[in-house]
N, C-alpha and C. Protein backbone atom coordinates (compact mmCIF):
# COMPACT_ATOMS: atom_id res chain seq x y z
N UNK A 1 58.64 16.22 180.97
CA UNK A 1 58.98 17.62 181.15
C UNK A 1 57.85 18.52 180.63
N UNK A 2 57.29 18.16 179.45
CA UNK A 2 56.21 18.95 178.86
C UNK A 2 55.01 19.00 179.80
N UNK A 3 54.69 17.86 180.40
CA UNK A 3 53.56 17.81 181.31
C UNK A 3 53.77 18.71 182.51
N UNK A 4 55.01 18.76 182.99
CA UNK A 4 55.31 19.61 184.14
C UNK A 4 55.10 21.08 183.77
N UNK A 5 55.58 21.47 182.58
CA UNK A 5 55.44 22.85 182.12
C UNK A 5 53.97 23.21 181.96
N UNK A 6 53.20 22.31 181.34
CA UNK A 6 51.78 22.57 181.14
C UNK A 6 51.05 22.69 182.47
N UNK A 7 51.39 21.82 183.41
CA UNK A 7 50.74 21.85 184.72
C UNK A 7 51.02 23.17 185.42
N UNK A 8 52.24 23.65 185.29
CA UNK A 8 52.59 24.93 185.92
C UNK A 8 51.81 26.07 185.27
N UNK A 9 51.65 25.99 183.96
CA UNK A 9 50.91 27.04 183.25
C UNK A 9 49.45 27.05 183.67
N UNK A 10 48.84 25.88 183.73
CA UNK A 10 47.43 25.80 184.07
C UNK A 10 47.17 26.14 185.53
N UNK A 11 48.21 26.08 186.36
CA UNK A 11 48.04 26.40 187.77
C UNK A 11 47.82 27.90 187.97
N UNK A 12 48.15 28.70 186.96
CA UNK A 12 47.97 30.14 187.06
C UNK A 12 46.51 30.51 186.87
N UNK A 13 46.06 31.51 187.59
CA UNK A 13 44.74 32.07 187.36
C UNK A 13 44.86 33.20 186.37
N UNK A 14 43.73 33.67 185.84
CA UNK A 14 43.77 34.74 184.85
C UNK A 14 44.43 36.00 185.42
N UNK A 15 44.18 36.27 186.70
CA UNK A 15 44.74 37.46 187.33
C UNK A 15 46.26 37.39 187.42
N UNK A 16 46.82 36.18 187.39
CA UNK A 16 48.26 36.01 187.51
C UNK A 16 48.99 36.16 186.17
N UNK A 17 48.24 36.21 185.08
CA UNK A 17 48.87 36.34 183.77
C UNK A 17 49.42 37.75 183.59
N UNK A 18 50.59 37.86 183.03
CA UNK A 18 51.11 39.17 182.68
C UNK A 18 50.36 39.68 181.46
N UNK A 19 50.43 41.00 181.25
CA UNK A 19 49.78 41.57 180.07
C UNK A 19 50.31 40.92 178.81
N UNK A 20 51.62 40.66 178.79
CA UNK A 20 52.25 40.05 177.63
C UNK A 20 51.71 38.65 177.39
N UNK A 21 51.55 37.86 178.46
CA UNK A 21 51.04 36.51 178.32
C UNK A 21 49.58 36.51 177.84
N UNK A 22 48.78 37.38 178.45
CA UNK A 22 47.36 37.43 178.09
C UNK A 22 47.19 37.82 176.64
N UNK A 23 47.87 38.89 176.24
CA UNK A 23 47.74 39.37 174.88
C UNK A 23 48.36 38.40 173.88
N UNK A 24 49.57 37.95 174.18
CA UNK A 24 50.25 37.04 173.26
C UNK A 24 49.54 35.72 173.12
N UNK A 25 49.03 35.18 174.22
CA UNK A 25 48.33 33.90 174.16
C UNK A 25 47.05 33.98 173.36
N UNK A 26 46.29 35.05 173.59
CA UNK A 26 45.05 35.21 172.85
C UNK A 26 45.32 35.38 171.36
N UNK A 27 46.32 36.17 171.03
CA UNK A 27 46.64 36.41 169.63
C UNK A 27 47.03 35.11 168.93
N UNK A 28 47.82 34.28 169.60
CA UNK A 28 48.18 32.98 169.04
C UNK A 28 46.93 32.17 168.71
N UNK A 29 46.02 32.12 169.67
CA UNK A 29 44.82 31.31 169.51
C UNK A 29 43.91 31.85 168.41
N UNK A 30 43.75 33.17 168.36
CA UNK A 30 42.87 33.76 167.35
C UNK A 30 43.44 33.60 165.95
N UNK A 31 44.73 33.76 165.81
CA UNK A 31 45.35 33.55 164.50
C UNK A 31 45.18 32.09 164.07
N UNK A 32 45.35 31.18 165.02
CA UNK A 32 45.17 29.76 164.71
C UNK A 32 43.74 29.49 164.26
N UNK A 33 42.77 29.97 165.04
CA UNK A 33 41.37 29.72 164.71
C UNK A 33 40.96 30.33 163.39
N UNK A 34 41.38 31.56 163.15
CA UNK A 34 41.03 32.24 161.91
C UNK A 34 41.67 31.55 160.71
N UNK A 35 42.93 31.18 160.85
CA UNK A 35 43.64 30.52 159.75
C UNK A 35 43.00 29.18 159.40
N UNK A 36 42.62 28.44 160.42
CA UNK A 36 42.00 27.14 160.19
C UNK A 36 40.65 27.30 159.50
N UNK A 37 39.86 28.27 159.96
CA UNK A 37 38.54 28.50 159.36
C UNK A 37 38.68 28.91 157.90
N UNK A 38 39.60 29.81 157.61
CA UNK A 38 39.83 30.25 156.23
C UNK A 38 40.29 29.08 155.37
N UNK A 39 41.19 28.26 155.93
CA UNK A 39 41.69 27.12 155.18
C UNK A 39 40.60 26.12 154.84
N UNK A 40 39.71 25.87 155.79
CA UNK A 40 38.63 24.91 155.56
C UNK A 40 37.64 25.43 154.52
N UNK A 41 37.23 26.69 154.66
CA UNK A 41 36.22 27.24 153.76
C UNK A 41 36.78 27.54 152.37
N UNK A 42 38.08 27.81 152.29
CA UNK A 42 38.69 28.12 151.01
C UNK A 42 39.11 26.89 150.22
N UNK A 43 38.95 25.72 150.83
CA UNK A 43 39.28 24.47 150.13
C UNK A 43 38.17 24.11 149.15
N UNK A 44 38.47 23.22 148.23
CA UNK A 44 37.48 22.78 147.25
C UNK A 44 36.26 22.22 147.96
N UNK A 45 35.09 22.80 147.70
CA UNK A 45 33.86 22.35 148.35
C UNK A 45 33.71 22.85 149.77
N UNK A 46 34.52 23.85 150.15
CA UNK A 46 34.51 24.32 151.53
C UNK A 46 33.16 24.80 152.02
N UNK A 47 32.39 25.41 151.16
CA UNK A 47 31.03 25.84 151.51
C UNK A 47 30.00 24.80 151.08
N UNK A 48 30.11 24.36 149.85
CA UNK A 48 29.10 23.48 149.28
C UNK A 48 28.94 22.18 150.06
N UNK A 49 30.05 21.64 150.58
CA UNK A 49 30.01 20.35 151.26
C UNK A 49 29.88 20.45 152.77
N UNK A 50 29.67 21.65 153.28
CA UNK A 50 29.51 21.85 154.72
C UNK A 50 28.10 22.36 155.00
N UNK A 51 27.22 21.51 155.52
CA UNK A 51 25.83 21.92 155.76
C UNK A 51 25.69 23.15 156.66
N UNK A 52 26.69 23.38 157.50
CA UNK A 52 26.61 24.52 158.43
C UNK A 52 26.72 25.86 157.70
N UNK A 53 27.41 25.87 156.58
CA UNK A 53 27.67 27.15 155.90
C UNK A 53 27.21 27.16 154.44
N UNK A 54 26.70 26.04 153.95
CA UNK A 54 26.26 25.97 152.55
C UNK A 54 25.27 27.09 152.25
N UNK A 55 25.48 27.75 151.14
CA UNK A 55 24.64 28.89 150.76
C UNK A 55 23.55 28.42 149.80
N UNK A 56 22.32 28.55 150.24
CA UNK A 56 21.18 28.24 149.38
C UNK A 56 20.49 29.53 148.98
N UNK A 57 19.43 29.43 148.22
CA UNK A 57 18.66 30.61 147.89
C UNK A 57 17.99 31.14 149.15
N UNK A 58 17.73 32.43 149.23
CA UNK A 58 17.05 32.97 150.41
C UNK A 58 15.74 32.23 150.68
N UNK A 59 15.44 32.02 151.94
CA UNK A 59 14.20 31.32 152.29
C UNK A 59 12.98 32.00 151.69
N UNK A 60 13.05 33.30 151.55
CA UNK A 60 11.92 34.05 151.01
C UNK A 60 11.62 33.70 149.56
N UNK A 61 12.60 33.10 148.87
CA UNK A 61 12.40 32.71 147.46
C UNK A 61 11.97 31.25 147.32
N UNK A 62 11.75 30.59 148.45
CA UNK A 62 11.38 29.17 148.42
C UNK A 62 10.15 28.89 147.54
N UNK A 63 9.09 29.69 147.64
CA UNK A 63 7.92 29.41 146.77
C UNK A 63 8.26 29.51 145.29
N UNK A 64 9.07 30.50 144.93
CA UNK A 64 9.47 30.66 143.54
C UNK A 64 10.37 29.52 143.11
N UNK A 65 11.28 29.12 143.99
CA UNK A 65 12.17 28.00 143.69
C UNK A 65 11.37 26.74 143.43
N UNK A 66 10.38 26.48 144.28
CA UNK A 66 9.54 25.29 144.11
C UNK A 66 8.82 25.30 142.78
N UNK A 67 8.33 26.46 142.40
CA UNK A 67 7.61 26.59 141.14
C UNK A 67 8.54 26.32 139.96
N UNK A 68 9.76 26.88 140.02
CA UNK A 68 10.71 26.68 138.94
C UNK A 68 11.13 25.22 138.81
N UNK A 69 11.25 24.56 139.95
CA UNK A 69 11.64 23.14 139.90
C UNK A 69 10.53 22.30 139.26
N UNK A 70 9.29 22.62 139.54
CA UNK A 70 8.19 21.88 138.92
C UNK A 70 8.13 22.14 137.42
N UNK A 71 8.74 23.23 136.99
CA UNK A 71 8.77 23.58 135.56
C UNK A 71 10.01 23.01 134.87
N UNK A 72 10.77 22.18 135.61
CA UNK A 72 11.93 21.56 135.00
C UNK A 72 13.20 22.38 135.05
N UNK A 73 13.24 23.40 135.91
CA UNK A 73 14.41 24.26 136.01
C UNK A 73 15.33 23.87 137.18
N UNK A 74 15.14 22.66 137.68
CA UNK A 74 15.92 22.22 138.83
C UNK A 74 17.42 22.25 138.60
N UNK A 75 17.86 21.79 137.44
CA UNK A 75 19.29 21.76 137.14
C UNK A 75 19.88 23.17 137.12
N UNK A 76 19.11 24.10 136.58
CA UNK A 76 19.58 25.49 136.55
C UNK A 76 19.73 26.04 137.97
N UNK A 77 18.75 25.75 138.81
CA UNK A 77 18.81 26.24 140.19
C UNK A 77 19.97 25.60 140.94
N UNK A 78 20.19 24.32 140.70
CA UNK A 78 21.32 23.63 141.35
C UNK A 78 22.65 24.24 140.90
N UNK A 79 22.72 24.60 139.62
CA UNK A 79 23.93 25.23 139.10
C UNK A 79 24.14 26.60 139.75
N UNK A 80 23.05 27.31 139.98
CA UNK A 80 23.14 28.62 140.63
C UNK A 80 23.66 28.49 142.05
N UNK A 81 23.11 27.53 142.78
CA UNK A 81 23.55 27.30 144.16
C UNK A 81 25.02 26.91 144.20
N UNK A 82 25.42 26.02 143.30
CA UNK A 82 26.83 25.60 143.24
C UNK A 82 27.72 26.80 142.93
N UNK A 83 27.27 27.66 142.04
CA UNK A 83 28.04 28.84 141.65
C UNK A 83 28.18 29.81 142.83
N UNK A 84 27.11 29.99 143.59
CA UNK A 84 27.16 30.89 144.75
C UNK A 84 28.15 30.38 145.79
N UNK A 85 28.13 29.09 146.03
CA UNK A 85 29.05 28.51 147.01
C UNK A 85 30.49 28.56 146.53
N UNK A 86 30.68 28.38 145.23
CA UNK A 86 32.03 28.49 144.66
C UNK A 86 32.55 29.91 144.79
N UNK A 87 31.68 30.88 144.59
CA UNK A 87 32.07 32.27 144.71
C UNK A 87 32.53 32.59 146.13
N UNK A 88 31.81 32.08 147.12
CA UNK A 88 32.19 32.30 148.51
C UNK A 88 33.52 31.62 148.81
N UNK A 89 33.67 30.41 148.33
CA UNK A 89 34.90 29.65 148.52
C UNK A 89 36.12 30.38 147.96
N UNK A 90 35.96 30.97 146.78
CA UNK A 90 37.08 31.66 146.13
C UNK A 90 37.39 33.01 146.78
N UNK A 91 36.40 33.60 147.45
CA UNK A 91 36.60 34.90 148.07
C UNK A 91 37.25 34.80 149.45
N UNK A 92 36.92 33.75 150.19
CA UNK A 92 37.35 33.64 151.58
C UNK A 92 38.86 33.74 151.83
N UNK A 93 39.72 33.14 150.99
CA UNK A 93 41.16 33.25 151.27
C UNK A 93 41.67 34.68 151.43
N UNK A 94 40.96 35.64 150.85
CA UNK A 94 41.36 37.04 150.99
C UNK A 94 41.21 37.53 152.43
N UNK A 95 40.47 36.79 153.24
CA UNK A 95 40.19 37.24 154.60
C UNK A 95 41.38 37.09 155.53
N UNK A 96 42.27 36.16 155.25
CA UNK A 96 43.32 35.84 156.22
C UNK A 96 44.17 37.05 156.59
N UNK A 97 44.61 37.80 155.60
CA UNK A 97 45.49 38.94 155.88
C UNK A 97 44.79 39.97 156.76
N UNK A 98 43.52 40.25 156.49
CA UNK A 98 42.78 41.23 157.28
C UNK A 98 42.54 40.74 158.70
N UNK A 99 42.25 39.45 158.85
CA UNK A 99 42.03 38.89 160.18
C UNK A 99 43.31 38.93 161.00
N UNK A 100 44.41 38.56 160.39
CA UNK A 100 45.70 38.59 161.10
C UNK A 100 46.07 40.02 161.47
N UNK A 101 45.79 40.96 160.58
CA UNK A 101 46.08 42.36 160.86
C UNK A 101 45.26 42.86 162.05
N UNK A 102 44.00 42.43 162.12
CA UNK A 102 43.14 42.82 163.25
C UNK A 102 43.71 42.30 164.57
N UNK A 103 44.28 41.10 164.53
CA UNK A 103 44.90 40.53 165.73
C UNK A 103 46.12 41.33 166.13
N UNK A 104 46.94 41.71 165.16
CA UNK A 104 48.15 42.47 165.45
C UNK A 104 47.84 43.81 166.10
N UNK A 105 46.71 44.40 165.74
CA UNK A 105 46.34 45.71 166.26
C UNK A 105 45.58 45.64 167.58
N UNK A 106 45.35 44.44 168.08
CA UNK A 106 44.59 44.27 169.32
C UNK A 106 45.35 44.83 170.51
N UNK A 107 44.65 45.58 171.35
CA UNK A 107 45.28 46.14 172.55
C UNK A 107 45.27 45.11 173.68
N UNK A 108 46.05 45.36 174.71
CA UNK A 108 46.08 44.48 175.87
C UNK A 108 44.71 44.44 176.54
N UNK A 109 44.06 45.59 176.64
CA UNK A 109 42.72 45.63 177.24
C UNK A 109 41.73 44.80 176.44
N UNK A 110 41.82 44.92 175.11
CA UNK A 110 40.95 44.10 174.25
C UNK A 110 41.18 42.62 174.54
N UNK A 111 42.44 42.23 174.65
CA UNK A 111 42.78 40.83 174.86
C UNK A 111 42.21 40.31 176.17
N UNK A 112 42.36 41.08 177.24
CA UNK A 112 41.86 40.62 178.54
C UNK A 112 40.33 40.55 178.57
N UNK A 113 39.67 41.49 177.88
CA UNK A 113 38.21 41.45 177.81
C UNK A 113 37.74 40.22 177.06
N UNK A 114 38.45 39.89 175.99
CA UNK A 114 38.07 38.72 175.20
C UNK A 114 38.31 37.44 175.99
N UNK A 115 39.44 37.38 176.68
CA UNK A 115 39.76 36.18 177.46
C UNK A 115 38.72 35.90 178.54
N UNK A 116 38.23 36.96 179.16
CA UNK A 116 37.27 36.77 180.26
C UNK A 116 35.82 36.91 179.79
N UNK A 117 35.62 37.08 178.48
CA UNK A 117 34.27 37.25 177.95
C UNK A 117 33.61 35.93 177.57
N UNK A 118 32.60 36.03 176.73
CA UNK A 118 31.87 34.84 176.30
C UNK A 118 32.70 33.96 175.40
N UNK A 119 32.17 32.78 175.08
CA UNK A 119 32.98 31.81 174.34
C UNK A 119 33.18 32.18 172.88
N UNK A 120 32.55 33.27 172.43
CA UNK A 120 32.82 33.75 171.07
C UNK A 120 33.24 35.21 171.07
N UNK A 121 33.79 35.67 172.18
CA UNK A 121 34.19 37.07 172.30
C UNK A 121 35.23 37.46 171.25
N UNK A 122 36.15 36.55 170.98
CA UNK A 122 37.16 36.81 169.97
C UNK A 122 36.54 36.94 168.59
N UNK A 123 35.57 36.11 168.30
CA UNK A 123 34.89 36.18 167.01
C UNK A 123 34.13 37.49 166.86
N UNK A 124 33.50 37.93 167.95
CA UNK A 124 32.78 39.20 167.91
C UNK A 124 33.74 40.36 167.67
N UNK A 125 34.94 40.24 168.22
CA UNK A 125 35.98 41.25 167.98
C UNK A 125 36.32 41.28 166.49
N UNK A 126 36.48 40.09 165.91
CA UNK A 126 36.77 40.01 164.48
C UNK A 126 35.67 40.67 163.66
N UNK A 127 34.42 40.41 164.01
CA UNK A 127 33.30 41.00 163.28
C UNK A 127 33.36 42.52 163.32
N UNK A 128 33.59 43.03 164.51
CA UNK A 128 33.62 44.48 164.69
C UNK A 128 34.73 45.12 163.87
N UNK A 129 35.90 44.46 163.85
CA UNK A 129 37.07 45.07 163.23
C UNK A 129 37.23 44.77 161.74
N UNK A 130 36.58 43.71 161.25
CA UNK A 130 36.86 43.29 159.87
C UNK A 130 35.66 43.20 158.94
N UNK A 131 34.44 43.20 159.46
CA UNK A 131 33.27 42.94 158.61
C UNK A 131 33.17 43.92 157.43
N UNK A 132 33.34 45.20 157.69
CA UNK A 132 33.21 46.19 156.62
C UNK A 132 34.31 46.01 155.56
N UNK A 133 35.54 45.80 156.02
CA UNK A 133 36.65 45.63 155.08
C UNK A 133 36.51 44.34 154.28
N UNK A 134 36.08 43.28 154.95
CA UNK A 134 35.94 42.01 154.25
C UNK A 134 34.81 42.06 153.22
N UNK A 135 33.76 42.77 153.54
CA UNK A 135 32.67 42.93 152.58
C UNK A 135 33.19 43.61 151.31
N UNK A 136 33.95 44.65 151.51
CA UNK A 136 34.53 45.38 150.37
C UNK A 136 35.52 44.52 149.60
N UNK A 137 36.26 43.68 150.33
CA UNK A 137 37.26 42.82 149.70
C UNK A 137 36.62 41.67 148.94
N UNK A 138 35.56 41.10 149.50
CA UNK A 138 34.91 39.93 148.89
C UNK A 138 34.12 40.27 147.64
N UNK A 139 33.45 41.42 147.64
CA UNK A 139 32.49 41.73 146.58
C UNK A 139 33.02 41.58 145.16
N UNK A 140 34.19 42.13 144.84
CA UNK A 140 34.66 42.00 143.45
C UNK A 140 34.85 40.55 143.01
N UNK A 141 35.41 39.72 143.90
CA UNK A 141 35.63 38.31 143.56
C UNK A 141 34.31 37.57 143.42
N UNK A 142 33.38 37.84 144.32
CA UNK A 142 32.07 37.20 144.25
C UNK A 142 31.35 37.63 142.98
N UNK A 143 31.44 38.90 142.66
CA UNK A 143 30.78 39.42 141.45
C UNK A 143 31.38 38.77 140.20
N UNK A 144 32.68 38.60 140.20
CA UNK A 144 33.36 37.97 139.06
C UNK A 144 32.89 36.53 138.86
N UNK A 145 32.80 35.78 139.96
CA UNK A 145 32.43 34.37 139.87
C UNK A 145 30.96 34.20 139.52
N UNK A 146 30.08 34.91 140.20
CA UNK A 146 28.65 34.76 139.93
C UNK A 146 28.30 35.30 138.55
N UNK A 147 29.07 36.26 138.07
CA UNK A 147 28.79 36.84 136.76
C UNK A 147 29.03 35.89 135.61
N UNK A 148 29.72 34.78 135.87
CA UNK A 148 30.00 33.81 134.82
C UNK A 148 28.77 32.95 134.50
N UNK A 149 27.77 33.01 135.37
CA UNK A 149 26.59 32.17 135.19
C UNK A 149 25.40 33.03 134.80
N UNK A 150 24.80 32.72 133.66
CA UNK A 150 23.69 33.53 133.17
C UNK A 150 22.53 33.55 134.16
N UNK A 151 22.35 32.47 134.88
CA UNK A 151 21.21 32.39 135.79
C UNK A 151 21.35 33.34 136.98
N UNK A 152 22.56 33.85 137.20
CA UNK A 152 22.75 34.82 138.28
C UNK A 152 21.87 36.05 138.06
N UNK A 153 21.73 36.43 136.80
CA UNK A 153 20.86 37.57 136.49
C UNK A 153 19.41 37.22 136.79
N UNK A 154 19.09 35.94 136.64
CA UNK A 154 17.73 35.50 136.96
C UNK A 154 17.47 35.65 138.45
N UNK A 155 18.50 35.38 139.25
CA UNK A 155 18.36 35.58 140.70
C UNK A 155 17.98 37.03 140.98
N UNK A 156 18.71 37.96 140.36
CA UNK A 156 18.45 39.38 140.60
C UNK A 156 17.03 39.76 140.20
N UNK A 157 16.54 39.17 139.11
CA UNK A 157 15.18 39.47 138.67
C UNK A 157 14.16 38.91 139.66
N UNK A 158 14.39 37.66 140.10
CA UNK A 158 13.48 37.04 141.07
C UNK A 158 13.47 37.81 142.38
N UNK A 159 14.67 38.15 142.85
CA UNK A 159 14.78 38.87 144.11
C UNK A 159 14.15 40.26 143.99
N UNK A 160 14.31 40.86 142.82
CA UNK A 160 13.72 42.18 142.59
C UNK A 160 12.21 42.13 142.67
N UNK A 161 11.62 41.11 142.06
CA UNK A 161 10.16 40.96 142.11
C UNK A 161 9.70 40.68 143.53
N UNK A 162 10.44 39.79 144.23
CA UNK A 162 10.09 39.48 145.62
C UNK A 162 10.25 40.71 146.50
N UNK A 163 11.22 41.56 146.13
CA UNK A 163 11.44 42.77 146.91
C UNK A 163 10.27 43.73 146.82
N UNK A 164 9.54 43.68 145.74
CA UNK A 164 8.38 44.56 145.59
C UNK A 164 7.30 44.22 146.60
N UNK A 165 7.34 42.99 147.09
CA UNK A 165 6.37 42.56 148.10
C UNK A 165 6.98 42.48 149.49
N UNK A 166 8.20 42.98 149.60
CA UNK A 166 8.87 42.99 150.90
C UNK A 166 9.42 41.66 151.33
N UNK A 167 9.49 40.69 150.42
CA UNK A 167 9.96 39.35 150.78
C UNK A 167 11.49 39.28 150.81
N UNK A 168 12.13 40.02 149.95
CA UNK A 168 13.60 40.10 149.93
C UNK A 168 13.96 41.57 150.11
N UNK A 169 14.89 41.82 151.03
CA UNK A 169 15.18 43.21 151.36
C UNK A 169 16.68 43.52 151.27
N UNK A 170 16.96 44.81 151.17
CA UNK A 170 18.32 45.30 151.28
C UNK A 170 19.30 44.69 150.30
N UNK A 171 20.46 44.34 150.83
CA UNK A 171 21.55 43.84 150.00
C UNK A 171 21.23 42.52 149.30
N UNK A 172 20.29 41.75 149.85
CA UNK A 172 19.98 40.44 149.26
C UNK A 172 19.31 40.55 147.90
N UNK A 173 18.98 41.76 147.48
CA UNK A 173 18.36 41.95 146.17
C UNK A 173 19.35 41.70 145.04
N UNK A 174 20.64 41.78 145.32
CA UNK A 174 21.67 41.50 144.33
C UNK A 174 22.45 40.25 144.74
N UNK A 175 22.68 39.36 143.82
CA UNK A 175 23.28 38.08 144.15
C UNK A 175 24.67 38.24 144.78
N UNK A 176 25.47 39.18 144.27
CA UNK A 176 26.82 39.33 144.82
C UNK A 176 26.80 39.82 146.26
N UNK A 177 25.82 40.66 146.60
CA UNK A 177 25.70 41.13 147.98
C UNK A 177 25.22 40.02 148.90
N UNK A 178 24.26 39.24 148.41
CA UNK A 178 23.73 38.13 149.21
C UNK A 178 24.82 37.10 149.48
N UNK A 179 25.56 36.71 148.45
CA UNK A 179 26.61 35.70 148.62
C UNK A 179 27.72 36.22 149.53
N UNK A 180 28.08 37.48 149.39
CA UNK A 180 29.12 38.05 150.25
C UNK A 180 28.69 38.01 151.71
N UNK A 181 27.45 38.38 151.98
CA UNK A 181 26.95 38.35 153.36
C UNK A 181 26.96 36.93 153.92
N UNK A 182 26.52 35.99 153.12
CA UNK A 182 26.48 34.59 153.59
C UNK A 182 27.89 34.03 153.76
N UNK A 183 28.81 34.46 152.91
CA UNK A 183 30.20 34.01 153.04
C UNK A 183 30.79 34.49 154.36
N UNK A 184 30.52 35.74 154.71
CA UNK A 184 31.00 36.27 155.97
C UNK A 184 30.34 35.58 157.16
N UNK A 185 29.05 35.32 157.05
CA UNK A 185 28.35 34.59 158.12
C UNK A 185 29.02 33.24 158.35
N UNK A 186 29.32 32.54 157.25
CA UNK A 186 29.96 31.24 157.35
C UNK A 186 31.35 31.32 157.94
N UNK A 187 32.10 32.34 157.53
CA UNK A 187 33.46 32.51 158.04
C UNK A 187 33.45 32.75 159.54
N UNK A 188 32.62 33.66 160.01
CA UNK A 188 32.59 33.95 161.44
C UNK A 188 32.04 32.76 162.24
N UNK A 189 31.13 32.01 161.64
CA UNK A 189 30.62 30.82 162.31
C UNK A 189 31.74 29.81 162.55
N UNK A 190 32.56 29.59 161.53
CA UNK A 190 33.65 28.63 161.67
C UNK A 190 34.75 29.13 162.61
N UNK A 191 35.00 30.44 162.60
CA UNK A 191 35.97 31.00 163.54
C UNK A 191 35.46 30.81 164.97
N UNK A 192 34.17 31.03 165.18
CA UNK A 192 33.58 30.86 166.51
C UNK A 192 33.70 29.42 166.98
N UNK A 193 33.52 28.47 166.07
CA UNK A 193 33.66 27.06 166.44
C UNK A 193 35.09 26.76 166.88
N UNK A 194 36.05 27.32 166.16
CA UNK A 194 37.46 27.11 166.53
C UNK A 194 37.76 27.76 167.88
N UNK A 195 37.21 28.95 168.11
CA UNK A 195 37.44 29.63 169.39
C UNK A 195 36.87 28.82 170.55
N UNK A 196 35.66 28.31 170.38
CA UNK A 196 35.04 27.52 171.45
C UNK A 196 35.85 26.25 171.72
N UNK A 197 36.36 25.65 170.66
CA UNK A 197 37.13 24.42 170.83
C UNK A 197 38.41 24.68 171.61
N UNK A 198 39.06 25.80 171.35
CA UNK A 198 40.30 26.15 172.06
C UNK A 198 40.01 26.46 173.52
N UNK A 199 38.91 27.18 173.77
CA UNK A 199 38.55 27.49 175.15
C UNK A 199 38.24 26.21 175.94
N UNK A 200 37.60 25.27 175.26
CA UNK A 200 37.22 24.03 175.92
C UNK A 200 38.41 23.12 176.16
N UNK A 201 39.35 23.13 175.23
CA UNK A 201 40.51 22.24 175.32
C UNK A 201 41.78 23.01 174.96
N UNK A 202 42.31 23.79 175.91
CA UNK A 202 43.48 24.64 175.63
C UNK A 202 44.69 23.87 175.10
N UNK A 203 44.80 22.59 175.44
CA UNK A 203 45.96 21.83 174.99
C UNK A 203 45.97 21.69 173.48
N UNK A 204 44.80 21.94 172.86
CA UNK A 204 44.73 21.88 171.41
C UNK A 204 45.24 23.14 170.74
N UNK A 205 45.53 24.18 171.55
CA UNK A 205 46.05 25.42 170.99
C UNK A 205 47.45 25.20 170.45
N UNK A 206 47.79 25.98 169.42
CA UNK A 206 49.06 25.75 168.73
C UNK A 206 50.27 26.21 169.53
N UNK A 207 50.16 27.33 170.23
CA UNK A 207 51.32 27.89 170.91
C UNK A 207 51.26 27.77 172.41
N UNK A 208 52.42 27.83 173.04
CA UNK A 208 52.50 27.68 174.49
C UNK A 208 51.80 28.82 175.21
N UNK A 209 51.89 30.03 174.66
CA UNK A 209 51.23 31.17 175.30
C UNK A 209 49.71 31.01 175.25
N UNK A 210 49.20 30.48 174.14
CA UNK A 210 47.77 30.27 174.03
C UNK A 210 47.30 29.25 175.06
N UNK A 211 48.06 28.20 175.23
CA UNK A 211 47.71 27.19 176.24
C UNK A 211 47.70 27.81 177.63
N UNK A 212 48.68 28.66 177.86
CA UNK A 212 48.80 29.29 179.17
C UNK A 212 47.62 30.24 179.44
N UNK A 213 47.29 31.05 178.45
CA UNK A 213 46.24 32.04 178.62
C UNK A 213 44.87 31.38 178.79
N UNK A 214 44.52 30.47 177.89
CA UNK A 214 43.21 29.84 177.97
C UNK A 214 43.14 28.80 179.08
N UNK A 215 44.26 28.17 179.38
CA UNK A 215 44.29 27.23 180.49
C UNK A 215 43.99 27.90 181.81
N UNK A 216 44.39 29.17 181.94
CA UNK A 216 44.17 29.91 183.17
C UNK A 216 42.68 30.18 183.41
N UNK A 217 41.89 30.17 182.35
CA UNK A 217 40.46 30.45 182.50
C UNK A 217 39.75 29.37 183.29
N UNK A 218 40.33 28.19 183.29
CA UNK A 218 39.68 27.09 184.01
C UNK A 218 39.96 27.10 185.49
N UNK A 219 40.82 28.02 185.94
CA UNK A 219 41.18 28.03 187.36
C UNK A 219 40.13 28.74 188.18
């Protein structure tokens, strides 16, 4: 019976979807993708153990990092990197409520544009609607976590000196701003991966409306 229902759903083209189906299906899928991404990154080692999102020192500080390691400061630098990733991990769970709220406020037109757009259109919508709020939400938690490590101040000094030569710019001059930006980059990257996976294999979507909406794209 399930196969019959799914086959009927996939037989529909995007133009045949009602506004309710298009909007509801997309919202189901986006909530699923966002929730999964937040859950993965907010777990123990969510950033540190994932090469795709692991936060290292800015590339522009590589020469300084190399010099410090030759001076026997490798353990300190490793502790700093671990601390930055822990800060991102602890901040990310705050994103779920804002992401879900952005989905709830999505218009029918927004939903149809995302459904027929690129494979990360939903993620781009999230960026547009949540990036500023998430930055504001993440900063206090990131600042609290990075502030526990004395070497965090060393990062600010190093970045400040590099900034005098134009090597480090803007928000990256402060560790809490740099980590917050990288945390958001990682979050949107993982949401985009979930979105692409659902578009590629609608049967993996959690809800029937999501299967119906994304399944129609293949027609």
